[in-house]
Amino acid sequence: MKKEGEIRIPAGCAIAGIISKSGQKINGGEIVKILSVMRDRSNGLGGGFAGYGIYPEYKEYYALHVFYDSREAKFSFEKLLEESFDIINLSKIPTKKIPEITDEPLIWRYFVFPLPTRLVDSQLDEKEFVARFVLKINFELNGAHIFSSGKNMGVFKAVGYPEDVGKFYSLEEYDGYCFTGHGRYPTNSPGWWGGAHPFALLDYTTVHNGEISSYDTNRQSMEMQGYKCTLQTDTEVITYMVDYLNRKVGLDMKEIAGVFAAPFWKTIESLPKDRKKLATFLRQTFPSELITGPFSIIVGFTGGLMALNDRLKLRSMIVAEKGDRVYISSEEAAVRKVEPSLDSVYAPMGGEAVIIKINGLCP
């Protein structure tokens, strides 16, 4: 029998992010190196990455990354896609055969834009048209799953350890201004390709360490707004809540953080008048979007990142800077793998949002 101290029980999954504050290129291999240090936070049942700015030649088009269980599912999907979208380019997503990644589905990539006539007929704006198509496919078309759907960005994920997933997709061949990554240790949900992090809708992506005890309330709230939670894991709903609160309601990322990790009422009472008014409004208006339970998350969006802990800081997360770059990670040692000499390192307090934006790219 192993003695105390001989068993490492890490606090769940690994999350990490890198962003250049001026939008300079970062190689995707760096985020893979960071996650490789935190291998013991994973168990091989899920790893993945999101990269922003990786498709500059197709930056005006939506990049749909799709898993297929069969060629029949691919045929059915492409027929539906052609009815609603102009397909600019399509191809298999390049992958590398490695023994650590098995049972891979068919993995394809499509650069598309809504057909003008279909967009007009729908009476929807462009993003809502795409979002509804993605949700409809993932809910209704058996054997096809759209796991990434934003512009000039893409998600790459699989069942495996994150460093093996990075090798599988040759992530070092991608350059972007921002990357996030995740190593999964599922505790009460299955390990499967669609259930690996990041979760994405349009350009919003989420990686998460922890457990959402408010999941049923959060899910029911999002399903009332037309979203469908189909991926057998609690984290999926965070991405939908970000999309809803930012794109549809119009809250900014700081306000969204004030919804997800809303201050306790006794804390709100002690705030200055202007902050008290906003915090009260957010807490009263969006109670069903409050996230309870231990969590640390990194939310990616076009032109920026948001990192957030739960109010009690029950999951570790540090933020470090070196020159133009900001690093976010579950562990400081992981960041020092790629940047040994840092300008600063600190651990955000519970409920304290860290938001990094790039000039000229954020809405």
Protein backbone atom coordinates (compact mmCIF):
# COMPACT_ATOMS: atom_id res chain seq x y z
CA MET A 1 0.00 0.00 0.00
CA LYS A 2 1.32 3.46 -0.92
CA LYS A 3 1.99 5.81 1.96
CA GLU A 4 0.95 9.42 2.32
CA GLY A 5 3.16 11.59 0.13
CA GLU A 6 3.77 8.80 -2.39
CA ILE A 7 0.58 9.54 -4.31
CA ARG A 8 0.04 12.80 -6.12
CA ILE A 9 -3.59 13.89 -6.27
CA PRO A 10 -3.64 17.07 -8.35
CA ALA A 11 -6.56 19.47 -8.19
CA GLY A 12 -8.14 18.26 -11.38
CA CYS A 13 -7.48 19.25 -14.95
CA ALA A 14 -4.78 21.49 -16.41
CA ILE A 15 -5.56 24.76 -18.17
CA ALA A 16 -3.24 27.22 -19.86
CA GLY A 17 -3.23 30.21 -22.19
CA ILE A 18 -0.76 32.48 -23.98
CA ILE A 19 -1.53 35.82 -25.61
CA SER A 20 0.54 38.56 -27.20
CA LYS A 21 -0.77 41.95 -26.08
CA SER A 22 0.18 43.53 -29.42
CA GLY A 23 -1.03 40.64 -31.58
CA GLN A 24 2.39 39.26 -32.49
CA LYS A 25 2.66 35.67 -33.67
CA ILE A 26 3.11 32.85 -31.17
CA ASN A 27 3.96 29.32 -32.28
CA GLY A 28 1.45 26.65 -31.28
CA GLY A 29 4.22 24.43 -30.00
CA GLU A 30 4.60 26.68 -26.95
CA ILE A 31 1.17 25.92 -25.51
CA VAL A 32 1.85 22.21 -26.02
CA LYS A 33 5.09 22.49 -24.01
CA ILE A 34 3.26 24.24 -21.18
CA LEU A 35 0.60 21.52 -20.96
CA SER A 36 3.23 18.76 -21.12
CA VAL A 37 4.57 19.83 -17.71
CA MET A 38 1.12 19.25 -16.18
CA ARG A 39 0.69 15.73 -17.55
CA ASP A 40 -0.20 14.32 -14.13
CA ARG A 41 -3.26 16.59 -14.04
CA SER A 42 -4.67 14.54 -16.96
CA ASN A 43 -5.51 10.89 -17.36
CA GLY A 44 -5.41 10.58 -21.14
CA LEU A 45 -9.15 10.93 -21.66
CA GLY A 46 -9.04 14.36 -23.28
CA GLY A 47 -6.70 17.09 -24.44
CA GLY A 48 -7.11 20.04 -26.74
CA PHE A 49 -6.15 23.50 -27.89
CA ALA A 50 -7.67 26.63 -29.40
CA GLY A 51 -5.67 28.98 -31.59
CA TYR A 52 -6.60 32.53 -32.61
CA GLY A 53 -5.22 34.26 -35.70
CA ILE A 54 -4.21 30.94 -37.26
CA TYR A 55 -6.12 31.32 -40.56
CA PRO A 56 -5.19 34.80 -41.84
CA GLU A 57 -5.73 33.82 -45.48
CA TYR A 58 -9.35 32.90 -44.68
CA LYS A 59 -10.00 35.41 -41.90
CA GLU A 60 -13.31 36.61 -43.37
CA TYR A 61 -14.80 33.11 -43.38
CA TYR A 62 -16.11 30.79 -40.68
CA ALA A 63 -13.81 27.81 -40.14
CA LEU A 64 -15.92 24.76 -39.33
CA HIS A 65 -13.97 21.86 -37.81
CA VAL A 66 -16.04 18.67 -37.93
CA PHE A 67 -15.77 15.13 -36.51
CA TYR A 68 -17.51 12.35 -38.47
CA ASP A 69 -18.29 8.83 -37.38
CA SER A 70 -18.78 7.68 -40.98
CA ARG A 71 -18.61 8.75 -44.61
CA GLU A 72 -22.40 8.62 -44.71
CA ALA A 73 -22.53 11.27 -41.97
CA LYS A 74 -20.03 13.37 -43.93
CA PHE A 75 -22.17 13.14 -47.07
CA SER A 76 -25.30 14.16 -45.15
CA PHE A 77 -23.53 17.08 -43.49
CA GLU A 78 -22.05 18.45 -46.70
CA LYS A 79 -25.44 18.32 -48.38
CA LEU A 80 -26.92 20.45 -45.59
CA LEU A 81 -23.91 22.74 -45.61
CA GLU A 82 -24.23 23.45 -49.35
CA GLU A 83 -27.87 24.44 -48.89
CA SER A 84 -26.98 27.29 -46.52
CA PHE A 85 -23.34 28.24 -47.10
CA ASP A 86 -20.89 29.16 -49.80
CA ILE A 87 -17.98 26.74 -49.32
CA ILE A 88 -14.72 28.54 -50.07
CA ASN A 89 -12.39 25.67 -49.22
CA LEU A 90 -12.61 22.22 -47.67
CA SER A 91 -10.06 19.59 -46.73
CA LYS A 92 -9.10 17.02 -44.17
CA ILE A 93 -7.46 18.58 -41.14
CA PRO A 94 -3.83 17.40 -41.31
CA THR A 95 -3.03 14.85 -38.61
CA LYS A 96 -0.09 12.60 -37.82
CA LYS A 97 -0.47 8.91 -37.05
CA ILE A 98 0.90 8.26 -33.57
CA PRO A 99 0.32 5.23 -31.32
CA GLU A 100 -0.94 7.35 -28.42
CA ILE A 101 -4.02 8.56 -30.34
CA THR A 102 -6.42 5.83 -31.46
CA ASP A 103 -9.95 5.43 -32.80
CA GLU A 104 -9.84 8.82 -34.46
CA PRO A 105 -12.95 9.90 -36.39
CA LEU A 106 -12.87 11.54 -39.82
CA ILE A 107 -11.74 15.12 -39.19
CA TRP A 108 -12.49 17.79 -41.80
CA ARG A 109 -12.28 21.56 -42.10
CA TYR A 110 -14.55 23.92 -44.10
CA PHE A 111 -14.15 27.65 -44.71
CA VAL A 112 -17.63 28.97 -45.34
CA PHE A 113 -19.89 32.01 -45.42
CA PRO A 114 -23.70 32.11 -45.29
CA LEU A 115 -25.41 32.30 -48.68
CA PRO A 116 -26.80 35.85 -49.01
CA THR A 117 -30.25 34.66 -50.06
CA ARG A 118 -30.52 32.23 -47.17
CA LEU A 119 -29.29 34.89 -44.75
CA VAL A 120 -31.91 37.39 -45.94
CA ASP A 121 -34.67 34.79 -45.83
CA SER A 122 -33.73 33.79 -42.30
CA GLN A 123 -34.06 37.39 -41.01
CA LEU A 124 -31.09 36.63 -38.74
CA ASP A 125 -27.76 38.34 -38.46
CA GLU A 126 -24.70 36.49 -39.74
CA LYS A 127 -23.47 35.16 -36.39
CA GLU A 128 -26.89 34.00 -35.24
CA PHE A 129 -27.37 32.20 -38.57
CA VAL A 130 -24.09 30.31 -38.10
CA ALA A 131 -24.69 29.57 -34.42
CA ARG A 132 -28.14 28.11 -35.12
CA PHE A 133 -26.73 25.94 -37.90
CA VAL A 134 -24.01 24.59 -35.59
CA LEU A 135 -26.44 23.82 -32.78
CA LYS A 136 -28.91 22.19 -35.16
CA ILE A 137 -26.27 19.92 -36.69
CA ASN A 138 -24.87 18.88 -33.33
CA PHE A 139 -28.32 18.13 -31.95
CA GLU A 140 -29.99 16.52 -34.95
CA LEU A 141 -27.42 14.98 -37.33
CA ASN A 142 -26.21 11.66 -35.98
CA GLY A 143 -22.53 10.97 -36.60
CA ALA A 144 -21.44 14.56 -37.29
CA HIS A 145 -20.19 17.06 -34.73
CA ILE A 146 -19.05 20.63 -35.40
CA PHE A 147 -16.47 21.32 -32.68
CA SER A 148 -15.19 24.69 -33.91
CA SER A 149 -16.99 27.45 -35.82
CA GLY A 150 -15.28 30.84 -35.49
CA LYS A 151 -13.44 33.17 -37.85
CA ASN A 152 -9.64 33.08 -38.03
CA MET A 153 -9.47 30.58 -35.19
CA GLY A 154 -9.78 26.87 -34.62
CA VAL A 155 -10.07 24.15 -31.99
CA PHE A 156 -7.99 20.96 -32.11
CA LYS A 157 -8.90 18.22 -29.63
CA ALA A 158 -8.94 14.47 -29.10
CA VAL A 159 -8.97 11.66 -26.56
CA GLY A 160 -5.40 11.60 -25.27
CA TYR A 161 -2.86 13.51 -23.22
CA PRO A 162 -2.50 17.11 -24.40
CA GLU A 163 1.09 16.77 -25.58
CA ASP A 164 0.06 13.79 -27.71
CA VAL A 165 -2.91 15.74 -29.08
CA GLY A 166 -0.53 18.56 -30.01
CA LYS A 167 1.70 16.08 -31.83
CA PHE A 168 -1.31 14.46 -33.52
CA TYR A 169 -2.41 17.79 -35.01
CA SER A 170 1.18 19.09 -35.54
CA LEU A 171 0.28 22.21 -33.58
CA GLU A 172 3.80 23.56 -34.05
CA GLU A 173 2.84 24.22 -37.67
CA TYR A 174 0.27 26.85 -36.58
CA ASP A 175 1.03 30.44 -35.58
CA GLY A 176 -1.43 32.81 -33.91
CA TYR A 177 -1.65 35.71 -31.47
CA CYS A 178 -3.31 33.57 -28.77
CA PHE A 179 -3.57 29.92 -27.74
CA THR A 180 -5.38 28.11 -24.94
CA GLY A 181 -5.00 24.49 -23.90
CA HIS A 182 -6.45 21.82 -21.65
CA GLY A 183 -5.51 18.48 -20.15
CA ARG A 184 -8.58 16.60 -18.99
CA TYR A 185 -9.21 14.48 -15.91
CA PRO A 186 -12.93 13.67 -16.14
CA THR A 187 -14.52 12.61 -12.89
CA ASN A 188 -18.21 12.17 -13.69
CA SER A 189 -18.46 12.33 -17.49
CA PRO A 190 -17.13 10.14 -20.30
CA GLY A 191 -13.92 10.67 -22.19
CA TRP A 192 -14.76 11.06 -25.88
CA TRP A 193 -13.57 13.26 -28.75
CA GLY A 194 -16.42 15.76 -28.63
CA GLY A 195 -16.24 15.98 -24.84
CA ALA A 196 -12.61 17.10 -24.76
CA HIS A 197 -11.90 20.78 -24.11
CA PRO A 198 -11.90 23.48 -25.44
CA PHE A 199 -15.62 23.85 -26.06
CA ALA A 200 -16.48 26.36 -28.75
CA LEU A 201 -19.30 28.27 -30.39
CA LEU A 202 -18.44 30.91 -32.99
CA ASP A 203 -15.21 32.51 -31.73
CA TYR A 204 -15.86 31.79 -28.04
CA THR A 205 -13.88 28.93 -26.44
CA THR A 206 -13.69 27.65 -22.88
CA VAL A 207 -11.21 25.50 -20.98
CA HIS A 208 -12.16 24.61 -17.43
CA ASN A 209 -10.74 22.96 -14.34
CA GLY A 210 -13.30 22.05 -11.71
CA GLU A 211 -16.89 20.98 -11.38
CA ILE A 212 -20.06 22.98 -11.91
CA SER A 213 -22.55 22.15 -9.17
CA SER A 214 -24.98 24.68 -10.69
CA TYR A 215 -24.97 22.83 -14.03
CA ASP A 216 -28.67 21.90 -14.09
CA THR A 217 -29.72 25.50 -13.41
CA ASN A 218 -27.24 26.85 -15.96
CA ARG A 219 -28.28 24.28 -18.57
CA GLN A 220 -31.99 24.89 -18.15
CA SER A 221 -31.45 28.63 -18.47
CA MET A 222 -29.51 28.20 -21.73
CA GLU A 223 -31.98 25.73 -23.17
CA MET A 224 -34.72 28.31 -22.59
CA GLN A 225 -32.64 30.58 -24.85
CA GLY A 226 -32.44 27.96 -27.62
CA TYR A 227 -29.11 26.29 -26.83
CA LYS A 228 -28.76 22.51 -26.65
CA CYS A 229 -26.31 20.79 -24.29
CA THR A 230 -25.38 17.55 -26.04
CA LEU A 231 -21.73 16.90 -25.14
CA GLN A 232 -22.12 14.97 -21.87
CA THR A 233 -20.05 17.34 -19.76
CA ASP A 234 -20.80 20.35 -17.59
CA THR A 235 -18.24 22.71 -19.18
CA GLU A 236 -20.15 23.00 -22.45
CA VAL A 237 -22.72 25.28 -20.84
CA ILE A 238 -20.11 27.92 -19.94
CA THR A 239 -19.41 28.59 -23.61
CA TYR A 240 -23.11 29.02 -24.32
CA MET A 241 -23.49 31.40 -21.39
CA VAL A 242 -20.58 33.50 -22.67
CA ASP A 243 -22.14 33.62 -26.14
CA TYR A 244 -25.53 34.53 -24.72
CA LEU A 245 -24.34 37.20 -22.30
CA ASN A 246 -21.80 38.81 -24.65
CA ARG A 247 -23.25 38.47 -28.15
CA LYS A 248 -26.97 38.54 -27.35
CA VAL A 249 -27.32 40.51 -24.12
CA GLY A 250 -24.35 42.82 -24.74
CA LEU A 251 -22.43 42.42 -21.48
CA ASP A 252 -18.68 42.91 -21.67
CA MET A 253 -16.24 40.34 -20.30
CA LYS A 254 -15.81 42.07 -16.96
CA GLU A 255 -19.57 42.10 -16.47
CA ILE A 256 -19.79 38.44 -17.49
CA ALA A 257 -17.21 37.64 -14.82
CA GLY A 258 -19.46 39.52 -12.39
CA VAL A 259 -22.29 37.16 -13.35
CA PHE A 260 -20.31 33.89 -13.28
CA ALA A 261 -18.52 34.65 -9.99
CA ALA A 262 -20.92 37.19 -8.51
CA PRO A 263 -19.85 38.56 -5.12
CA PHE A 264 -21.62 37.26 -2.07
CA TRP A 265 -24.45 39.53 -0.93
CA LYS A 266 -22.54 40.59 2.17
CA THR A 267 -19.65 41.61 -0.08
CA ILE A 268 -21.95 43.56 -2.38
CA GLU A 269 -23.30 45.51 0.59
CA SER A 270 -19.81 46.77 1.39
CA LEU A 271 -18.97 47.95 -2.15
CA PRO A 272 -18.80 51.62 -3.18
CA LYS A 273 -22.13 52.96 -4.48
CA ASP A 274 -21.46 52.65 -8.24
CA ARG A 275 -19.96 49.17 -7.98
CA LYS A 276 -22.72 48.08 -5.59
CA LYS A 277 -25.37 49.15 -8.11
CA LEU A 278 -23.81 47.18 -10.97
CA ALA A 279 -23.10 44.10 -8.86
CA THR A 280 -26.68 44.09 -7.56
CA PHE A 281 -28.08 44.45 -11.06
CA LEU A 282 -26.01 41.56 -12.41
CA ARG A 283 -26.79 39.30 -9.45
CA GLN A 284 -30.53 39.97 -9.63
CA THR A 285 -30.87 39.92 -13.43
CA PHE A 286 -28.81 36.80 -14.20
CA PRO A 287 -29.14 34.48 -11.18
CA SER A 288 -29.36 31.37 -13.37
CA GLU A 289 -25.97 32.12 -14.94
CA LEU A 290 -24.14 32.16 -11.60
CA ILE A 291 -21.58 29.32 -11.57
CA THR A 292 -21.21 27.52 -8.25
CA GLY A 293 -18.65 24.90 -7.35
CA PRO A 294 -14.85 24.93 -7.70
CA PHE A 295 -13.60 26.26 -11.02
CA SER A 296 -10.91 28.06 -12.90
CA ILE A 297 -11.64 28.93 -16.51
CA ILE A 298 -10.01 30.60 -19.48
CA VAL A 299 -12.39 32.03 -22.06
CA GLY A 300 -10.98 32.87 -25.47
CA PHE A 301 -12.60 35.32 -27.89
CA THR A 302 -11.50 37.31 -30.92
CA GLY A 303 -8.81 39.67 -29.69
CA GLY A 304 -8.57 38.55 -26.11
CA LEU A 305 -8.71 36.20 -23.13
CA MET A 306 -10.55 36.18 -19.83
CA ALA A 307 -9.35 34.10 -16.87
CA LEU A 308 -11.51 33.61 -13.79
CA ASN A 309 -11.54 31.64 -10.52
CA ASP A 310 -14.55 30.78 -8.41
CA ARG A 311 -15.28 33.13 -5.52
CA LEU A 312 -13.46 30.96 -2.97
CA LYS A 313 -10.50 30.20 -5.27
CA LEU A 314 -10.82 26.45 -4.94
CA ARG A 315 -8.75 25.80 -8.08
CA SER A 316 -5.22 27.03 -8.71
CA MET A 317 -4.40 29.54 -11.44
CA ILE A 318 -1.50 31.94 -11.95
CA VAL A 319 -0.93 34.82 -14.35
CA ALA A 320 2.59 35.66 -15.52
CA GLU A 321 4.05 38.26 -17.87
CA LYS A 322 7.18 38.52 -19.93
CA GLY A 323 7.49 41.51 -22.19
CA ASP A 324 4.61 41.48 -24.65
CA ARG A 325 3.23 38.12 -23.55
CA VAL A 326 0.78 37.11 -20.84
CA TYR A 327 0.70 33.51 -19.64
CA ILE A 328 -2.11 31.87 -17.67
CA SER A 329 -1.69 28.42 -16.18
CA SER A 330 -2.75 26.04 -13.43
CA GLU A 331 0.92 25.88 -12.37
CA GLU A 332 3.81 28.35 -12.47
CA ALA A 333 6.31 25.59 -13.28
CA ALA A 334 4.51 24.94 -16.57
CA VAL A 335 4.98 28.54 -17.73
CA ARG A 336 8.65 28.50 -16.77
CA LYS A 337 9.10 25.56 -19.15
CA VAL A 338 8.86 28.03 -22.05
CA GLU A 339 9.87 31.24 -20.26
CA PRO A 340 12.22 30.69 -17.29
CA SER A 341 12.75 34.39 -16.61
CA LEU A 342 9.42 36.10 -16.01
CA ASP A 343 8.78 39.80 -15.36
CA SER A 344 5.95 39.08 -12.93
CA VAL A 345 3.87 36.22 -11.50
CA TYR A 346 0.75 36.47 -9.37
CA ALA A 347 -2.31 34.46 -8.41
CA PRO A 348 -5.62 36.27 -8.99
CA MET A 349 -7.99 36.33 -6.04
CA GLY A 350 -11.23 34.39 -6.03
CA GLY A 351 -13.73 36.01 -8.39
CA GLU A 352 -11.11 38.41 -9.79
CA ALA A 353 -11.28 38.47 -13.58
CA VAL A 354 -8.09 38.84 -15.60
CA ILE A 355 -8.92 40.22 -19.05
CA ILE A 356 -6.33 40.79 -21.76
CA LYS A 357 -7.32 42.52 -25.00
CA ILE A 358 -5.40 43.24 -28.17
CA ASN A 359 -5.69 46.69 -29.70
CA GLY A 360 -7.69 46.77 -32.88
CA LEU A 361 -9.09 43.23 -32.65
CA CYS A 362 -11.70 43.44 -29.91
CA PRO A 363 -15.28 44.55 -30.54
